[in-house]
PDB file of N, CA and C in Angstrom:
ATOM      1  N   MET A   1     173.758-125.231-136.570  1.00  0.00           N
ATOM      2  CA  MET A   1     175.064-124.731-136.945  1.00  0.00           C
ATOM      3  C   MET A   1     176.128-125.553-136.216  1.00  0.00           C
ATOM      4  N   LEU A   2     177.192-125.836-136.927  1.00  0.00           N
ATOM      5  CA  LEU A   2     178.313-126.563-136.352  1.00  0.00           C
ATOM      6  C   LEU A   2     179.445-125.578-136.136  1.00  0.00           C
ATOM      7  N   MET A   3     179.864-125.457-134.900  1.00  0.00           N
ATOM      8  CA  MET A   3     180.990-124.589-134.558  1.00  0.00           C
ATOM      9  C   MET A   3     182.261-125.434-134.553  1.00  0.00           C
ATOM     10  N   LEU A   4     183.214-125.062-135.376  1.00  0.00           N
ATOM     11  CA  LEU A   4     184.481-125.765-135.362  1.00  0.00           C
ATOM     12  C   LEU A   4     185.248-125.394-134.092  1.00  0.00           C
ATOM     13  N   PRO A   5     186.041-126.310-133.562  1.00  0.00           N
ATOM     14  CA  PRO A   5     186.794-126.030-132.340  1.00  0.00           C
ATOM     15  C   PRO A   5     187.999-125.130-132.626  1.00  0.00           C
ATOM     16  N   ALA A   6     188.677-124.720-131.582  1.00  0.00           N
ATOM     17  CA  ALA A   6     189.868-123.888-131.724  1.00  0.00           C
ATOM     18  C   ALA A   6     191.000-124.651-132.406  1.00  0.00           C
ATOM     19  N   ILE A   7     191.053-125.956-132.178  1.00  0.00           N
ATOM     20  CA  ILE A   7     192.101-126.790-132.770  1.00  0.00           C
ATOM     21  C   ILE A   7     191.458-127.844-133.660  1.00  0.00           C
ATOM     22  N   LEU A   8     191.924-127.899-134.908  1.00  0.00           N
ATOM     23  CA  LEU A   8     191.415-128.911-135.837  1.00  0.00           C
ATOM     24  C   LEU A   8     192.574-129.406-136.697  1.00  0.00           C
ATOM     25  N   THR A   9     193.172-130.492-136.238  1.00  0.00           N
ATOM     26  CA  THR A   9     194.240-131.154-136.973  1.00  0.00           C
ATOM     27  C   THR A   9     193.802-132.585-137.237  1.00  0.00           C
ATOM     28  N   HIS A  10     194.670-133.382-137.810  1.00  0.00           N
ATOM     29  CA  HIS A  10     194.309-134.767-138.126  1.00  0.00           C
ATOM     30  C   HIS A  10     193.855-135.537-136.890  1.00  0.00           C
ATOM     31  N   THR A  11     194.311-135.145-135.723  1.00  0.00           N
ATOM     32  CA  THR A  11     193.944-135.815-134.472  1.00  0.00           C
ATOM     33  C   THR A  11     192.463-135.654-134.145  1.00  0.00           C
ATOM     34  N   GLU A  12     191.877-134.528-134.484  1.00  0.00           N
ATOM     35  CA  GLU A  12     190.493-134.220-134.132  1.00  0.00           C
ATOM     36  C   GLU A  12     189.467-134.595-135.204  1.00  0.00           C
ATOM     37  N   VAL A  13     189.912-135.028-136.364  1.00  0.00           N
ATOM     38  CA  VAL A  13     189.012-135.258-137.497  1.00  0.00           C
ATOM     39  C   VAL A  13     187.868-136.209-137.163  1.00  0.00           C
ATOM     40  N   ARG A  14     188.171-137.343-136.587  1.00  0.00           N
ATOM     41  CA  ARG A  14     187.129-138.345-136.308  1.00  0.00           C
ATOM     42  C   ARG A  14     186.035-137.765-135.408  1.00  0.00           C
ATOM     43  N   ASP A  15     186.422-137.060-134.356  1.00  0.00           N
ATOM     44  CA  ASP A  15     185.435-136.492-133.437  1.00  0.00           C
ATOM     45  C   ASP A  15     184.585-135.414-134.098  1.00  0.00           C
ATOM     46  N   ILE A  16     185.212-134.582-134.907  1.00  0.00           N
ATOM     47  CA  ILE A  16     184.467-133.512-135.581  1.00  0.00           C
ATOM     48  C   ILE A  16     183.465-134.092-136.572  1.00  0.00           C
ATOM     49  N   LEU A  17     183.875-135.103-137.332  1.00  0.00           N
ATOM     50  CA  LEU A  17     182.944-135.703-138.291  1.00  0.00           C
ATOM     51  C   LEU A  17     181.803-136.422-137.582  1.00  0.00           C
ATOM     52  N   ARG A  18     182.080-137.042-136.449  1.00  0.00           N
ATOM     53  CA  ARG A  18     181.010-137.678-135.668  1.00  0.00           C
ATOM     54  C   ARG A  18     180.033-136.619-135.180  1.00  0.00           C
ATOM     55  N   LEU A  19     180.550-135.514-134.679  1.00  0.00           N
ATOM     56  CA  LEU A  19     179.702-134.413-134.215  1.00  0.00           C
ATOM     57  C   LEU A  19     178.865-133.856-135.363  1.00  0.00           C
ATOM     58  N   PHE A  20     179.456-133.732-136.538  1.00  0.00           N
ATOM     59  CA  PHE A  20     178.707-133.223-137.675  1.00  0.00           C
ATOM     60  C   PHE A  20     177.575-134.173-138.050  1.00  0.00           C
ATOM     61  N   ARG A  21     177.865-135.472-138.069  1.00  0.00           N
ATOM     62  CA  ARG A  21     176.802-136.449-138.380  1.00  0.00           C
ATOM     63  C   ARG A  21     175.650-136.324-137.387  1.00  0.00           C
ATOM     64  N   GLU A  22     175.973-136.197-136.105  1.00  0.00           N
ATOM     65  CA  GLU A  22     174.934-136.049-135.077  1.00  0.00           C
ATOM     66  C   GLU A  22     174.142-134.759-135.293  1.00  0.00           C
ATOM     67  N   THR A  23     174.830-133.685-135.606  1.00  0.00           N
ATOM     68  CA  THR A  23     174.165-132.404-135.855  1.00  0.00           C
ATOM     69  C   THR A  23     173.253-132.503-137.064  1.00  0.00           C
ATOM     70  N   LEU A  24     173.721-133.150-138.098  1.00  0.00           N
ATOM     71  CA  LEU A  24     172.930-133.340-139.317  1.00  0.00           C
ATOM     72  C   LEU A  24     171.672-134.148-139.022  1.00  0.00           C
ATOM     73  N   ASP A  25     171.811-135.213-138.261  1.00  0.00           N
ATOM     74  CA  ASP A  25     170.655-136.044-137.900  1.00  0.00           C
ATOM     75  C   ASP A  25     169.669-135.290-137.013  1.00  0.00           C
ATOM     76  N   GLN A  26     170.174-134.525-136.051  1.00  0.00           N
ATOM     77  CA  GLN A  26     169.296-133.745-135.163  1.00  0.00           C
ATOM     78  C   GLN A  26     168.543-132.676-135.934  1.00  0.00           C
ATOM     79  N   ALA A  27     169.227-132.035-136.875  1.00  0.00           N
ATOM     80  CA  ALA A  27     168.575-130.990-137.673  1.00  0.00           C
ATOM     81  C   ALA A  27     167.462-131.575-138.517  1.00  0.00           C
ATOM     82  N   ALA A  28     167.699-132.753-139.068  1.00  0.00           N
ATOM     83  CA  ALA A  28     166.671-133.401-139.885  1.00  0.00           C
ATOM     84  C   ALA A  28     165.469-133.763-139.040  1.00  0.00           C
ATOM     85  N   ALA A  29     165.702-134.198-137.815  1.00  0.00           N
ATOM     86  CA  ALA A  29     164.609-134.599-136.930  1.00  0.00           C
ATOM     87  C   ALA A  29     163.806-133.407-136.427  1.00  0.00           C
ATOM     88  N   SER A  30     164.471-132.266-136.234  1.00  0.00           N
ATOM     89  CA  SER A  30     163.781-131.116-135.643  1.00  0.00           C
ATOM     90  C   SER A  30     163.072-130.247-136.671  1.00  0.00           C
ATOM     91  N   GLY A  31     163.449-130.368-137.943  1.00  0.00           N
ATOM     92  CA  GLY A  31     162.849-129.510-138.960  1.00  0.00           C
ATOM     93  C   GLY A  31     163.402-128.105-138.862  1.00  0.00           C
ATOM     94  N   GLY A  32     162.730-127.138-139.454  1.00  0.00           N
ATOM     95  CA  GLY A  32     163.168-125.751-139.386  1.00  0.00           C
ATOM     96  C   GLY A  32     164.305-125.446-140.334  1.00  0.00           C
ATOM     97  N   GLN A  33     164.885-124.254-140.172  1.00  0.00           N
ATOM     98  CA  GLN A  33     165.950-123.751-141.049  1.00  0.00           C
ATOM     99  C   GLN A  33     167.142-124.691-141.093  1.00  0.00           C
ATOM    100  N   ASP A  34     167.569-125.226-139.941  1.00  0.00           N
ATOM    101  CA  ASP A  34     168.744-126.092-139.909  1.00  0.00           C
ATOM    102  C   ASP A  34     168.533-127.397-140.669  1.00  0.00           C
ATOM    103  N   ALA A  35     167.289-127.776-140.900  1.00  0.00           N
ATOM    104  CA  ALA A  35     167.020-128.995-141.669  1.00  0.00           C
ATOM    105  C   ALA A  35     167.273-128.759-143.150  1.00  0.00           C
ATOM    106  N   VAL A  36     167.256-127.491-143.576  1.00  0.00           N
ATOM    107  CA  VAL A  36     167.448-127.146-144.975  1.00  0.00           C
ATOM    108  C   VAL A  36     168.870-126.653-145.244  1.00  0.00           C
ATOM    109  N   LEU A  37     169.368-125.779-144.381  1.00  0.00           N
ATOM    110  CA  LEU A  37     170.690-125.181-144.545  1.00  0.00           C
ATOM    111  C   LEU A  37     171.524-125.476-143.311  1.00  0.00           C
ATOM    112  N   LEU A  38     172.632-126.139-143.511  1.00  0.00           N
ATOM    113  CA  LEU A  38     173.558-126.393-142.415  1.00  0.00           C
ATOM    114  C   LEU A  38     174.797-125.546-142.623  1.00  0.00           C
ATOM    115  N   THR A  39     175.150-124.810-141.593  1.00  0.00           N
ATOM    116  CA  THR A  39     176.267-123.885-141.660  1.00  0.00           C
ATOM    117  C   THR A  39     177.360-124.308-140.704  1.00  0.00           C
ATOM    118  N   VAL A  40     178.587-124.226-141.179  1.00  0.00           N
ATOM    119  CA  VAL A  40     179.761-124.475-140.338  1.00  0.00           C
ATOM    120  C   VAL A  40     180.417-123.131-140.070  1.00  0.00           C
ATOM    121  N   ASP A  41     180.637-122.845-138.804  1.00  0.00           N
ATOM    122  CA  ASP A  41     181.248-121.590-138.380  1.00  0.00           C
ATOM    123  C   ASP A  41     182.681-121.865-137.937  1.00  0.00           C
ATOM    124  N   GLY A  42     183.625-121.195-138.570  1.00  0.00           N
ATOM    125  CA  GLY A  42     185.034-121.394-138.258  1.00  0.00           C
ATOM    126  C   GLY A  42     185.646-120.269-137.449  1.00  0.00           C
ATOM    127  N   SER A  43     184.834-119.441-136.827  1.00  0.00           N
ATOM    128  CA  SER A  43     185.362-118.273-136.125  1.00  0.00           C
ATOM    129  C   SER A  43     186.253-118.618-134.930  1.00  0.00           C
ATOM    130  N   ALA A  44     186.075-119.790-134.327  1.00  0.00           N
ATOM    131  CA  ALA A  44     186.894-120.174-133.171  1.00  0.00           C
ATOM    132  C   ALA A  44     188.216-120.828-133.583  1.00  0.00           C
ATOM    133  N   LEU A  45     188.342-121.191-134.848  1.00  0.00           N
ATOM    134  CA  LEU A  45     189.511-121.921-135.321  1.00  0.00           C
ATOM    135  C   LEU A  45     190.783-121.090-135.174  1.00  0.00           C
ATOM    136  N   GLN A  46     191.771-121.646-134.468  1.00  0.00           N
ATOM    137  CA  GLN A  46     193.035-120.952-134.275  1.00  0.00           C
ATOM    138  C   GLN A  46     194.225-121.778-134.745  1.00  0.00           C
ATOM    139  N   HIS A  47     194.182-123.070-134.494  1.00  0.00           N
ATOM    140  CA  HIS A  47     195.292-123.959-134.870  1.00  0.00           C
ATOM    141  C   HIS A  47     194.714-125.078-135.724  1.00  0.00           C
ATOM    142  N   PHE A  48     195.216-125.195-136.956  1.00  0.00           N
ATOM    143  CA  PHE A  48     194.666-126.193-137.872  1.00  0.00           C
ATOM    144  C   PHE A  48     195.717-126.578-138.895  1.00  0.00           C
ATOM    145  N   ASP A  49     195.451-127.673-139.578  1.00  0.00           N
ATOM    146  CA  ASP A  49     196.281-128.087-140.705  1.00  0.00           C
ATOM    147  C   ASP A  49     195.344-128.378-141.871  1.00  0.00           C
ATOM    148  N   SER A  50     195.864-128.989-142.911  1.00  0.00           N
ATOM    149  CA  SER A  50     195.042-129.234-144.097  1.00  0.00           C
ATOM    150  C   SER A  50     193.884-130.186-143.814  1.00  0.00           C
ATOM    151  N   SER A  51     193.922-130.877-142.698  1.00  0.00           N
ATOM    152  CA  SER A  51     192.795-131.737-142.310  1.00  0.00           C
ATOM    153  C   SER A  51     191.516-130.931-142.153  1.00  0.00           C
ATOM    154  N   ALA A  52     191.637-129.667-141.794  1.00  0.00           N
ATOM    155  CA  ALA A  52     190.453-128.820-141.653  1.00  0.00           C
ATOM    156  C   ALA A  52     189.712-128.703-142.981  1.00  0.00           C
ATOM    157  N   LEU A  53     190.455-128.613-144.070  1.00  0.00           N
ATOM    158  CA  LEU A  53     189.816-128.569-145.394  1.00  0.00           C
ATOM    159  C   LEU A  53     189.132-129.880-145.709  1.00  0.00           C
ATOM    160  N   ALA A  54     189.793-130.979-145.375  1.00  0.00           N
ATOM    161  CA  ALA A  54     189.190-132.291-145.615  1.00  0.00           C
ATOM    162  C   ALA A  54     187.892-132.439-144.831  1.00  0.00           C
ATOM    163  N   VAL A  55     187.877-131.947-143.600  1.00  0.00           N
ATOM    164  CA  VAL A  55     186.665-132.002-142.773  1.00  0.00           C
ATOM    165  C   VAL A  55     185.556-131.186-143.415  1.00  0.00           C
ATOM    166  N   LEU A  56     185.864-129.978-143.849  1.00  0.00           N
ATOM    167  CA  LEU A  56     184.840-129.136-144.466  1.00  0.00           C
ATOM    168  C   LEU A  56     184.279-129.768-145.735  1.00  0.00           C
ATOM    169  N   LEU A  57     185.144-130.332-146.545  1.00  0.00           N
ATOM    170  CA  LEU A  57     184.672-130.967-147.781  1.00  0.00           C
ATOM    171  C   LEU A  57     183.835-132.206-147.486  1.00  0.00           C
ATOM    172  N   GLU A  58     184.209-132.977-146.480  1.00  0.00           N
ATOM    173  CA  GLU A  58     183.417-134.153-146.108  1.00  0.00           C
ATOM    174  C   GLU A  58     182.074-133.732-145.507  1.00  0.00           C
ATOM    175  N   CYS A  59     182.070-132.689-144.704  1.00  0.00           N
ATOM    176  CA  CYS A  59     180.811-132.183-144.143  1.00  0.00           C
ATOM    177  C   CYS A  59     179.882-131.728-145.259  1.00  0.00           C
ATOM    178  N   GLN A  60     180.452-131.044-146.241  1.00  0.00           N
ATOM    179  CA  GLN A  60     179.651-130.605-147.384  1.00  0.00           C
ATOM    180  C   GLN A  60     179.069-131.810-148.124  1.00  0.00           C
ATOM    181  N   ARG A  61     179.884-132.835-148.341  1.00  0.00           N
ATOM    182  CA  ARG A  61     179.427-134.024-149.044  1.00  0.00           C
ATOM    183  C   ARG A  61     178.293-134.705-148.275  1.00  0.00           C
ATOM    184  N   MET A  62     178.443-134.835-146.956  1.00  0.00           N
ATOM    185  CA  MET A  62     177.408-135.486-146.150  1.00  0.00           C
ATOM    186  C   MET A  62     176.109-134.683-146.169  1.00  0.00           C
ATOM    187  N   ALA A  63     176.219-133.361-146.081  1.00  0.00           N
ATOM    188  CA  ALA A  63     175.018-132.521-146.101  1.00  0.00           C
ATOM    189  C   ALA A  63     174.290-132.664-147.437  1.00  0.00           C
ATOM    190  N   ARG A  64     175.018-132.605-148.513  1.00  0.00           N
ATOM    191  CA  ARG A  64     174.397-132.710-149.836  1.00  0.00           C
ATOM    192  C   ARG A  64     173.791-134.089-150.064  1.00  0.00           C
ATOM    193  N   ALA A  65     174.431-135.127-149.516  1.00  0.00           N
ATOM    194  CA  ALA A  65     173.889-136.482-149.645  1.00  0.00           C
ATOM    195  C   ALA A  65     172.532-136.599-148.949  1.00  0.00           C
ATOM    196  N   LYS A  66     172.301-135.752-147.938  1.00  0.00           N
ATOM    197  CA  LYS A  66     171.029-135.739-147.223  1.00  0.00           C
ATOM    198  C   LYS A  66     170.072-134.699-147.795  1.00  0.00           C
ATOM    199  N   GLY A  67     170.461-134.076-148.917  1.00  0.00           N
ATOM    200  CA  GLY A  67     169.599-133.085-149.549  1.00  0.00           C
ATOM    201  C   GLY A  67     169.603-131.737-148.869  1.00  0.00           C
ATOM    202  N   ARG A  68     170.645-131.436-148.134  1.00  0.00           N
ATOM    203  CA  ARG A  68     170.741-130.177-147.403  1.00  0.00           C
ATOM    204  C   ARG A  68     171.728-129.240-148.090  1.00  0.00           C
ATOM    205  N   ALA A  69     171.436-127.965-148.020  1.00  0.00           N
ATOM    206  CA  ALA A  69     172.390-126.952-148.477  1.00  0.00           C
ATOM    207  C   ALA A  69     173.469-126.828-147.402  1.00  0.00           C
ATOM    208  N   PHE A  70     174.636-126.375-147.786  1.00  0.00           N
ATOM    209  CA  PHE A  70     175.768-126.299-146.881  1.00  0.00           C
ATOM    210  C   PHE A  70     176.483-124.978-147.101  1.00  0.00           C
ATOM    211  N   SER A  71     176.870-124.337-146.020  1.00  0.00           N
ATOM    212  CA  SER A  71     177.653-123.114-146.150  1.00  0.00           C
ATOM    213  C   SER A  71     178.669-123.043-145.018  1.00  0.00           C
ATOM    214  N   VAL A  72     179.682-122.247-145.246  1.00  0.00           N
ATOM    215  CA  VAL A  72     180.689-121.989-144.224  1.00  0.00           C
ATOM    216  C   VAL A  72     180.724-120.490-143.971  1.00  0.00           C
ATOM    217  N   GLN A  73     181.098-120.136-142.765  1.00  0.00           N
ATOM    218  CA  GLN A  73     181.239-118.718-142.445  1.00  0.00           C
ATOM    219  C   GLN A  73     182.394-118.521-141.488  1.00  0.00           C
ATOM    220  N   SER A  74     182.971-117.364-141.536  1.00  0.00           N
ATOM    221  CA  SER A  74     184.012-116.925-140.603  1.00  0.00           C
ATOM    222  C   SER A  74     185.231-117.841-140.565  1.00  0.00           C
ATOM    223  N   LEU A  75     185.656-118.303-141.731  1.00  0.00           N
ATOM    224  CA  LEU A  75     186.880-119.097-141.769  1.00  0.00           C
ATOM    225  C   LEU A  75     188.087-118.176-141.598  1.00  0.00           C
ATOM    226  N   PRO A  76     189.107-118.644-140.895  1.00  0.00           N
ATOM    227  CA  PRO A  76     190.319-117.833-140.756  1.00  0.00           C
ATOM    228  C   PRO A  76     190.955-117.564-142.128  1.00  0.00           C
ATOM    229  N   LYS A  77     191.577-116.430-142.254  1.00  0.00           N
ATOM    230  CA  LYS A  77     192.191-116.044-143.521  1.00  0.00           C
ATOM    231  C   LYS A  77     193.202-117.093-143.986  1.00  0.00           C
ATOM    232  N   ARG A  78     193.985-117.632-143.066  1.00  0.00           N
ATOM    233  CA  ARG A  78     194.983-118.647-143.443  1.00  0.00           C
ATOM    234  C   ARG A  78     194.329-119.900-144.030  1.00  0.00           C
ATOM    235  N   LEU A  79     193.175-120.282-143.507  1.00  0.00           N
ATOM    236  CA  LEU A  79     192.486-121.465-144.033  1.00  0.00           C
ATOM    237  C   LEU A  79     191.919-121.174-145.422  1.00  0.00           C
ATOM    238  N   THR A  80     191.422-119.976-145.611  1.00  0.00           N
ATOM    239  CA  THR A  80     190.926-119.570-146.924  1.00  0.00           C
ATOM    240  C   THR A  80     192.062-119.564-147.937  1.00  0.00           C
ATOM    241  N   GLU A  81     193.228-119.085-147.523  1.00  0.00           N
ATOM    242  CA  GLU A  81     194.396-119.084-148.402  1.00  0.00           C
ATOM    243  C   GLU A  81     194.845-120.509-148.721  1.00  0.00           C
ATOM    244  N   LEU A  82     194.779-121.390-147.736  1.00  0.00           N
ATOM    245  CA  LEU A  82     195.143-122.794-147.947  1.00  0.00           C
ATOM    246  C   LEU A  82     194.181-123.446-148.943  1.00  0.00           C
ATOM    247  N   ALA A  83     192.903-123.120-148.829  1.00  0.00           N
ATOM    248  CA  ALA A  83     191.906-123.652-149.771  1.00  0.00           C
ATOM    249  C   ALA A  83     192.219-123.186-151.192  1.00  0.00           C
ATOM    250  N   LYS A  84     192.623-121.927-151.334  1.00  0.00           N
ATOM    251  CA  LYS A  84     192.994-121.414-152.660  1.00  0.00           C
ATOM    252  C   LYS A  84     194.223-122.134-153.184  1.00  0.00           C
ATOM    253  N   LEU A  85     195.212-122.338-152.322  1.00  0.00           N
ATOM    254  CA  LEU A  85     196.432-123.020-152.718  1.00  0.00           C
ATOM    255  C   LEU A  85     196.135-124.421-153.244  1.00  0.00           C
ATOM    256  N   TYR A  86     195.224-125.135-152.584  1.00  0.00           N
ATOM    257  CA  TYR A  86     194.855-126.495-152.996  1.00  0.00           C
ATOM    258  C   TYR A  86     193.816-126.529-154.097  1.00  0.00           C
ATOM    259  N   GLY A  87     193.277-125.359-154.454  1.00  0.00           N
ATOM    260  CA  GLY A  87     192.299-125.291-155.531  1.00  0.00           C
ATOM    261  C   GLY A  87     190.893-125.743-155.143  1.00  0.00           C
ATOM    262  N   VAL A  88     190.566-125.702-153.854  1.00  0.00           N
ATOM    263  CA  VAL A  88     189.234-126.130-153.410  1.00  0.00           C
ATOM    264  C   VAL A  88     188.409-124.958-152.881  1.00  0.00           C
ATOM    265  N   ASP A  89     188.923-123.748-153.019  1.00  0.00           N
ATOM    266  CA  ASP A  89     188.206-122.586-152.492  1.00  0.00           C
ATOM    267  C   ASP A  89     186.831-122.424-153.132  1.00  0.00           C
ATOM    268  N   GLY A  90     186.693-122.771-154.396  1.00  0.00           N
ATOM    269  CA  GLY A  90     185.403-122.677-155.066  1.00  0.00           C
ATOM    270  C   GLY A  90     184.380-123.663-154.550  1.00  0.00           C
ATOM    271  N   LEU A  91     184.843-124.732-153.927  1.00  0.00           N
ATOM    272  CA  LEU A  91     183.931-125.742-153.380  1.00  0.00           C
ATOM    273  C   LEU A  91     183.366-125.318-152.030  1.00  0.00           C
ATOM    274  N   LEU A  92     184.046-124.413-151.354  1.00  0.00           N
ATOM    275  CA  LEU A  92     183.606-123.971-150.027  1.00  0.00           C
ATOM    276  C   LEU A  92     182.993-122.584-150.143  1.00  0.00           C
ATOM    277  N   GLN A  93     181.718-122.560-150.435  1.00  0.00           N
ATOM    278  CA  GLN A  93     181.014-121.292-150.596  1.00  0.00           C
ATOM    279  C   GLN A  93     180.711-120.700-149.230  1.00  0.00           C
ATOM    280  N   SER A  94     181.110-119.471-149.003  1.00  0.00           N
ATOM    281  CA  SER A  94     180.849-118.807-147.721  1.00  0.00           C
ATOM    282  C   SER A  94     179.477-118.190-147.706  1.00  0.00           C
ATOM    283  N   ALA A  95     178.885-118.208-146.498  1.00  0.00           N
ATOM    284  CA  ALA A  95     177.573-117.575-146.331  1.00  0.00           C
ATOM    285  C   ALA A  95     177.752-116.078-146.226  1.00  0.00           C
TER     286      ALA A  95
END
């Protein structure tokens, strides 16, 4: 599982995507549930901009490219509303 940080703006994107790639690779190497389903948890997210949506969509794309299912959970209400505003809420299926 990938836990999003409290702050996720354009400044943090590169580090978060690097962390996700590492998590994806580790899950594939270890096998088990995380090798099949990768979940992003947004419960710690407090300060974010639209970059958070871009990160989630890129994480989903990377997981699917590796043949993994992807889900999100505990996204802040404001981020869910932002996803609806941009029309990408259907792409981010919650667990």
